[in-house]
PDB file of N, CA and C in Angstrom:
ATOM      1  N   MET A   1      40.156  -2.485 -13.707  1.00  0.00           N
ATOM      2  CA  MET A   1      38.694  -2.291 -14.064  1.00  0.00           C
ATOM      3  C   MET A   1      37.427  -1.892 -12.699  1.00  0.00           C
ATOM      4  N   THR A   2      37.203  -2.200 -11.845  1.00  0.00           N
ATOM      5  CA  THR A   2      35.652  -2.781 -11.458  1.00  0.00           C
ATOM      6  C   THR A   2      34.253  -2.385 -12.374  1.00  0.00           C
ATOM      7  N   ARG A   3      33.601  -3.119 -12.419  1.00  0.00           N
ATOM      8  CA  ARG A   3      32.766  -2.261 -13.087  1.00  0.00           C
ATOM      9  C   ARG A   3      31.451  -2.862 -12.474  1.00  0.00           C
ATOM     10  N   GLN A   4      30.282  -1.420 -12.624  1.00  0.00           N
ATOM     11  CA  GLN A   4      29.370  -1.075 -11.213  1.00  0.00           C
ATOM     12  C   GLN A   4      28.194  -1.258 -12.438  1.00  0.00           C
ATOM     13  N   LYS A   5      27.319  -1.589 -10.804  1.00  0.00           N
ATOM     14  CA  LYS A   5      25.991  -2.980 -12.211  1.00  0.00           C
ATOM     15  C   LYS A   5      25.338  -1.667 -11.576  1.00  0.00           C
ATOM     16  N   SER A   6      24.395  -2.010 -12.489  1.00  0.00           N
ATOM     17  CA  SER A   6      23.262  -0.624 -13.019  1.00  0.00           C
ATOM     18  C   SER A   6      21.835  -1.244 -11.943  1.00  0.00           C
ATOM     19  N   LYS A   7      21.431  -0.549 -10.781  1.00  0.00           N
ATOM     20  CA  LYS A   7      20.570  -1.102 -10.023  1.00  0.00           C
ATOM     21  C   LYS A   7      19.038  -0.696 -10.902  1.00  0.00           C
ATOM     22  N   LYS A   8      17.840  -1.202 -10.633  1.00  0.00           N
ATOM     23  CA  LYS A   8      16.919  -0.791 -11.410  1.00  0.00           C
ATOM     24  C   LYS A   8      15.708   0.247 -11.035  1.00  0.00           C
ATOM     25  N   LYS A   9      15.436   0.856 -11.642  1.00  0.00           N
ATOM     26  CA  LYS A   9      14.096   2.071 -11.217  1.00  0.00           C
ATOM     27  C   LYS A   9      12.678   1.314 -10.668  1.00  0.00           C
ATOM     28  N   LEU A  10      12.845   1.058  -9.266  1.00  0.00           N
ATOM     29  CA  LEU A  10      12.370   0.660  -8.734  1.00  0.00           C
ATOM     30  C   LEU A  10      11.133   1.573  -8.498  1.00  0.00           C
ATOM     31  N   THR A  11      11.360   2.561  -7.542  1.00  0.00           N
ATOM     32  CA  THR A  11      10.994   3.918  -7.148  1.00  0.00           C
ATOM     33  C   THR A  11       9.784   4.741  -7.485  1.00  0.00           C
ATOM     34  N   SER A  12       9.817   4.165  -9.190  1.00  0.00           N
ATOM     35  CA  SER A  12       8.462   5.125  -9.390  1.00  0.00           C
ATOM     36  C   SER A  12       7.091   4.167  -8.423  1.00  0.00           C
ATOM     37  N   LYS A  13       6.887   2.414  -9.250  1.00  0.00           N
ATOM     38  CA  LYS A  13       6.325   2.053  -8.805  1.00  0.00           C
ATOM     39  C   LYS A  13       5.912   2.276  -6.692  1.00  0.00           C
ATOM     40  N   ASN A  14       7.266   2.688  -5.937  1.00  0.00           N
ATOM     41  CA  ASN A  14       6.805   3.592  -4.679  1.00  0.00           C
ATOM     42  C   ASN A  14       6.400   4.555  -4.010  1.00  0.00           C
ATOM     43  N   THR A  15       7.099   5.561  -4.988  1.00  0.00           N
ATOM     44  CA  THR A  15       6.462   6.347  -4.854  1.00  0.00           C
ATOM     45  C   THR A  15       4.325   6.500  -5.683  1.00  0.00           C
ATOM     46  N   GLN A  16       4.273   5.201  -6.457  1.00  0.00           N
ATOM     47  CA  GLN A  16       2.825   5.883  -6.955  1.00  0.00           C
ATOM     48  C   GLN A  16       2.439   5.236  -5.861  1.00  0.00           C
ATOM     49  N   ALA A  17       2.811   4.825  -4.596  1.00  0.00           N
ATOM     50  CA  ALA A  17       2.007   3.508  -3.632  1.00  0.00           C
ATOM     51  C   ALA A  17       1.633   4.516  -2.779  1.00  0.00           C
ATOM     52  N   LYS A  18       2.712   5.213  -2.617  1.00  0.00           N
ATOM     53  CA  LYS A  18       2.722   6.192  -1.461  1.00  0.00           C
ATOM     54  C   LYS A  18       1.592   7.750  -1.915  1.00  0.00           C
ATOM     55  N   GLU A  19       1.245   7.845  -3.206  1.00  0.00           N
ATOM     56  CA  GLU A  19       0.784   9.146  -3.415  1.00  0.00           C
ATOM     57  C   GLU A  19      -0.752   8.689  -3.432  1.00  0.00           C
ATOM     58  N   GLU A  20      -1.080   7.550  -3.610  1.00  0.00           N
ATOM     59  CA  GLU A  20      -2.650   7.093  -3.484  1.00  0.00           C
ATOM     60  C   GLU A  20      -3.039   7.671  -2.276  1.00  0.00           C
ATOM     61  N   GLN A  21      -1.658   6.638  -1.081  1.00  0.00           N
ATOM     62  CA  GLN A  21      -2.594   6.465   0.087  1.00  0.00           C
ATOM     63  C   GLN A  21      -2.143   7.397   1.126  1.00  0.00           C
ATOM     64  N   THR A  22      -1.483   8.752   1.334  1.00  0.00           N
ATOM     65  CA  THR A  22      -1.870  10.515   1.243  1.00  0.00           C
ATOM     66  C   THR A  22      -2.330  10.779  -0.165  1.00  0.00           C
ATOM     67  N   LYS A  23      -3.446  10.496  -0.352  1.00  0.00           N
ATOM     68  CA  LYS A  23      -4.366  11.939  -1.283  1.00  0.00           C
ATOM     69  C   LYS A  23      -5.438  11.547  -0.423  1.00  0.00           C
ATOM     70  N   THR A  24      -5.685  12.891   0.144  1.00  0.00           N
ATOM     71  CA  THR A  24      -7.371  13.512   0.280  1.00  0.00           C
ATOM     72  C   THR A  24      -8.488  13.551  -0.241  1.00  0.00           C
ATOM     73  N   SER A  25      -9.411  13.195   0.600  1.00  0.00           N
ATOM     74  CA  SER A  25     -10.799  12.706  -0.329  1.00  0.00           C
ATOM     75  C   SER A  25     -11.147  14.675  -0.007  1.00  0.00           C
ATOM     76  N   PRO A  26     -12.027  15.335  -1.203  1.00  0.00           N
ATOM     77  CA  PRO A  26     -13.285  16.299  -0.574  1.00  0.00           C
ATOM     78  C   PRO A  26     -13.488  15.457   0.971  1.00  0.00           C
ATOM     79  N   ARG A  27     -14.182  14.979   1.058  1.00  0.00           N
ATOM     80  CA  ARG A  27     -14.645  14.004   1.895  1.00  0.00           C
ATOM     81  C   ARG A  27     -14.211  14.257   3.423  1.00  0.00           C
ATOM     82  N   THR A  28     -12.657  13.713   3.086  1.00  0.00           N
ATOM     83  CA  THR A  28     -12.253  13.248   4.202  1.00  0.00           C
ATOM     84  C   THR A  28     -11.536  15.194   5.088  1.00  0.00           C
ATOM     85  N   ALA A  29     -11.015  15.415   4.352  1.00  0.00           N
ATOM     86  CA  ALA A  29     -11.221  17.691   4.810  1.00  0.00           C
ATOM     87  C   ALA A  29     -12.092  18.057   4.876  1.00  0.00           C
ATOM     88  N   LYS A  30     -13.470  17.539   4.760  1.00  0.00           N
ATOM     89  CA  LYS A  30     -14.971  18.319   5.164  1.00  0.00           C
ATOM     90  C   LYS A  30     -14.907  18.458   6.677  1.00  0.00           C
ATOM     91  N   ILE A  31     -14.715  16.951   6.849  1.00  0.00           N
ATOM     92  CA  ILE A  31     -14.683  15.654   8.912  1.00  0.00           C
ATOM     93  C   ILE A  31     -13.802  16.407   9.081  1.00  0.00           C
ATOM     94  N   VAL A  32     -12.631  16.558   9.175  1.00  0.00           N
ATOM     95  CA  VAL A  32     -11.706  16.821   9.505  1.00  0.00           C
ATOM     96  C   VAL A  32     -11.264  18.461   9.694  1.00  0.00           C
ATOM     97  N   LEU A  33     -12.317  19.684   8.707  1.00  0.00           N
ATOM     98  CA  LEU A  33     -13.056  21.143   9.143  1.00  0.00           C
ATOM     99  C   LEU A  33     -13.845  21.132  10.159  1.00  0.00           C
ATOM    100  N   PHE A  34     -14.634  20.172   9.735  1.00  0.00           N
ATOM    101  CA  PHE A  34     -15.544  19.873  10.495  1.00  0.00           C
ATOM    102  C   PHE A  34     -15.027  19.914  12.035  1.00  0.00           C
ATOM    103  N   VAL A  35     -14.865  18.426  12.609  1.00  0.00           N
ATOM    104  CA  VAL A  35     -14.230  17.875  13.817  1.00  0.00           C
ATOM    105  C   VAL A  35     -13.023  19.304  14.621  1.00  0.00           C
ATOM    106  N   PHE A  36     -12.450  19.611  13.455  1.00  0.00           N
ATOM    107  CA  PHE A  36     -11.351  20.239  14.841  1.00  0.00           C
ATOM    108  C   PHE A  36     -11.757  21.964  14.455  1.00  0.00           C
ATOM    109  N   GLY A  37     -12.488  22.484  13.630  1.00  0.00           N
ATOM    110  CA  GLY A  37     -13.386  23.951  13.497  1.00  0.00           C
ATOM    111  C   GLY A  37     -15.034  23.713  14.199  1.00  0.00           C
ATOM    112  N   VAL A  38     -15.334  23.698  13.871  1.00  0.00           N
ATOM    113  CA  VAL A  38     -16.542  23.108  14.519  1.00  0.00           C
ATOM    114  C   VAL A  38     -17.182  22.757  16.591  1.00  0.00           C
ATOM    115  N   GLY A  39     -16.677  21.985  16.513  1.00  0.00           N
ATOM    116  CA  GLY A  39     -15.814  21.087  17.215  1.00  0.00           C
ATOM    117  C   GLY A  39     -16.071  21.225  18.281  1.00  0.00           C
ATOM    118  N   PRO A  40     -14.642  22.304  18.839  1.00  0.00           N
ATOM    119  CA  PRO A  40     -14.815  22.844  19.558  1.00  0.00           C
ATOM    120  C   PRO A  40     -15.981  24.165  20.073  1.00  0.00           C
ATOM    121  N   LEU A  41     -16.191  24.204  18.817  1.00  0.00           N
ATOM    122  CA  LEU A  41     -17.167  26.170  19.631  1.00  0.00           C
ATOM    123  C   LEU A  41     -18.355  25.634  19.998  1.00  0.00           C
ATOM    124  N   ILE A  42     -19.076  24.680  19.321  1.00  0.00           N
ATOM    125  CA  ILE A  42     -20.447  23.553  19.864  1.00  0.00           C
ATOM    126  C   ILE A  42     -20.295  23.355  21.167  1.00  0.00           C
ATOM    127  N   LEU A  43     -18.706  22.969  21.684  1.00  0.00           N
ATOM    128  CA  LEU A  43     -18.728  22.368  23.334  1.00  0.00           C
ATOM    129  C   LEU A  43     -17.792  23.454  23.465  1.00  0.00           C
ATOM    130  N   MET A  44     -17.588  23.956  23.586  1.00  0.00           N
ATOM    131  CA  MET A  44     -17.585  26.003  24.367  1.00  0.00           C
ATOM    132  C   MET A  44     -19.215  26.374  24.993  1.00  0.00           C
ATOM    133  N   CYS A  45     -20.117  26.202  23.476  1.00  0.00           N
ATOM    134  CA  CYS A  45     -21.553  26.156  23.942  1.00  0.00           C
ATOM    135  C   CYS A  45     -21.794  25.661  25.087  1.00  0.00           C
ATOM    136  N   LEU A  46     -22.130  24.438  24.636  1.00  0.00           N
ATOM    137  CA  LEU A  46     -22.395  23.586  26.312  1.00  0.00           C
ATOM    138  C   LEU A  46     -21.934  24.157  27.014  1.00  0.00           C
ATOM    139  N   PHE A  47     -20.726  24.139  27.069  1.00  0.00           N
ATOM    140  CA  PHE A  47     -20.207  24.019  28.856  1.00  0.00           C
ATOM    141  C   PHE A  47     -20.599  25.862  29.327  1.00  0.00           C
ATOM    142  N   LEU A  48     -20.872  26.502  28.461  1.00  0.00           N
ATOM    143  CA  LEU A  48     -21.473  27.312  29.166  1.00  0.00           C
ATOM    144  C   LEU A  48     -22.379  27.501  29.428  1.00  0.00           C
ATOM    145  N   PHE A  49     -23.197  26.919  28.224  1.00  0.00           N
ATOM    146  CA  PHE A  49     -25.227  27.019  28.180  1.00  0.00           C
ATOM    147  C   PHE A  49     -25.357  26.333  29.489  1.00  0.00           C
ATOM    148  N   SER A  50     -24.266  25.346  30.451  1.00  0.00           N
ATOM    149  CA  SER A  50     -24.172  24.680  30.882  1.00  0.00           C
ATOM    150  C   SER A  50     -24.375  25.097  33.135  1.00  0.00           C
ATOM    151  N   ASN A  51     -23.201  25.728  33.132  1.00  0.00           N
ATOM    152  CA  ASN A  51     -22.673  26.923  33.583  1.00  0.00           C
ATOM    153  C   ASN A  51     -23.971  28.152  33.713  1.00  0.00           C
ATOM    154  N   GLY A  52     -24.943  28.933  33.128  1.00  0.00           N
ATOM    155  CA  GLY A  52     -25.654  29.799  33.295  1.00  0.00           C
ATOM    156  C   GLY A  52     -25.118  30.354  32.905  1.00  0.00           C
ATOM    157  N   PHE A  53     -24.346  30.297  31.386  1.00  0.00           N
ATOM    158  CA  PHE A  53     -23.324  31.632  31.336  1.00  0.00           C
ATOM    159  C   PHE A  53     -24.895  32.734  30.339  1.00  0.00           C
ATOM    160  N   PHE A  54     -25.460  31.740  29.868  1.00  0.00           N
ATOM    161  CA  PHE A  54     -26.533  32.626  29.040  1.00  0.00           C
ATOM    162  C   PHE A  54     -27.355  33.527  29.291  1.00  0.00           C
ATOM    163  N   ASN A  55     -27.883  33.130  31.360  1.00  0.00           N
ATOM    164  CA  ASN A  55     -28.987  33.517  31.962  1.00  0.00           C
ATOM    165  C   ASN A  55     -29.008  34.065  32.459  1.00  0.00           C
ATOM    166  N   SER A  56     -29.784  34.539  31.846  1.00  0.00           N
ATOM    167  CA  SER A  56     -29.953  37.051  32.577  1.00  0.00           C
ATOM    168  C   SER A  56     -30.350  36.640  34.529  1.00  0.00           C
ATOM    169  N   PRO A  57     -29.244  38.060  35.206  1.00  0.00           N
ATOM    170  CA  PRO A  57     -29.280  37.816  36.511  1.00  0.00           C
ATOM    171  C   PRO A  57     -30.739  38.101  36.752  1.00  0.00           C
TER     172      PRO A  57
END
């Protein structure tokens, strides 16, 4: 009979390192929401102002 070698569990260190890298801080979340939420609205308003959309005829 062949005996199987036991493997050491090294995954705990790897998973902890991955969790630390993937954590999003509240500051990062706010920046992302601002860029992708409010940013396009500001750009649309600037485009419409530059084309005279809000000027009365």
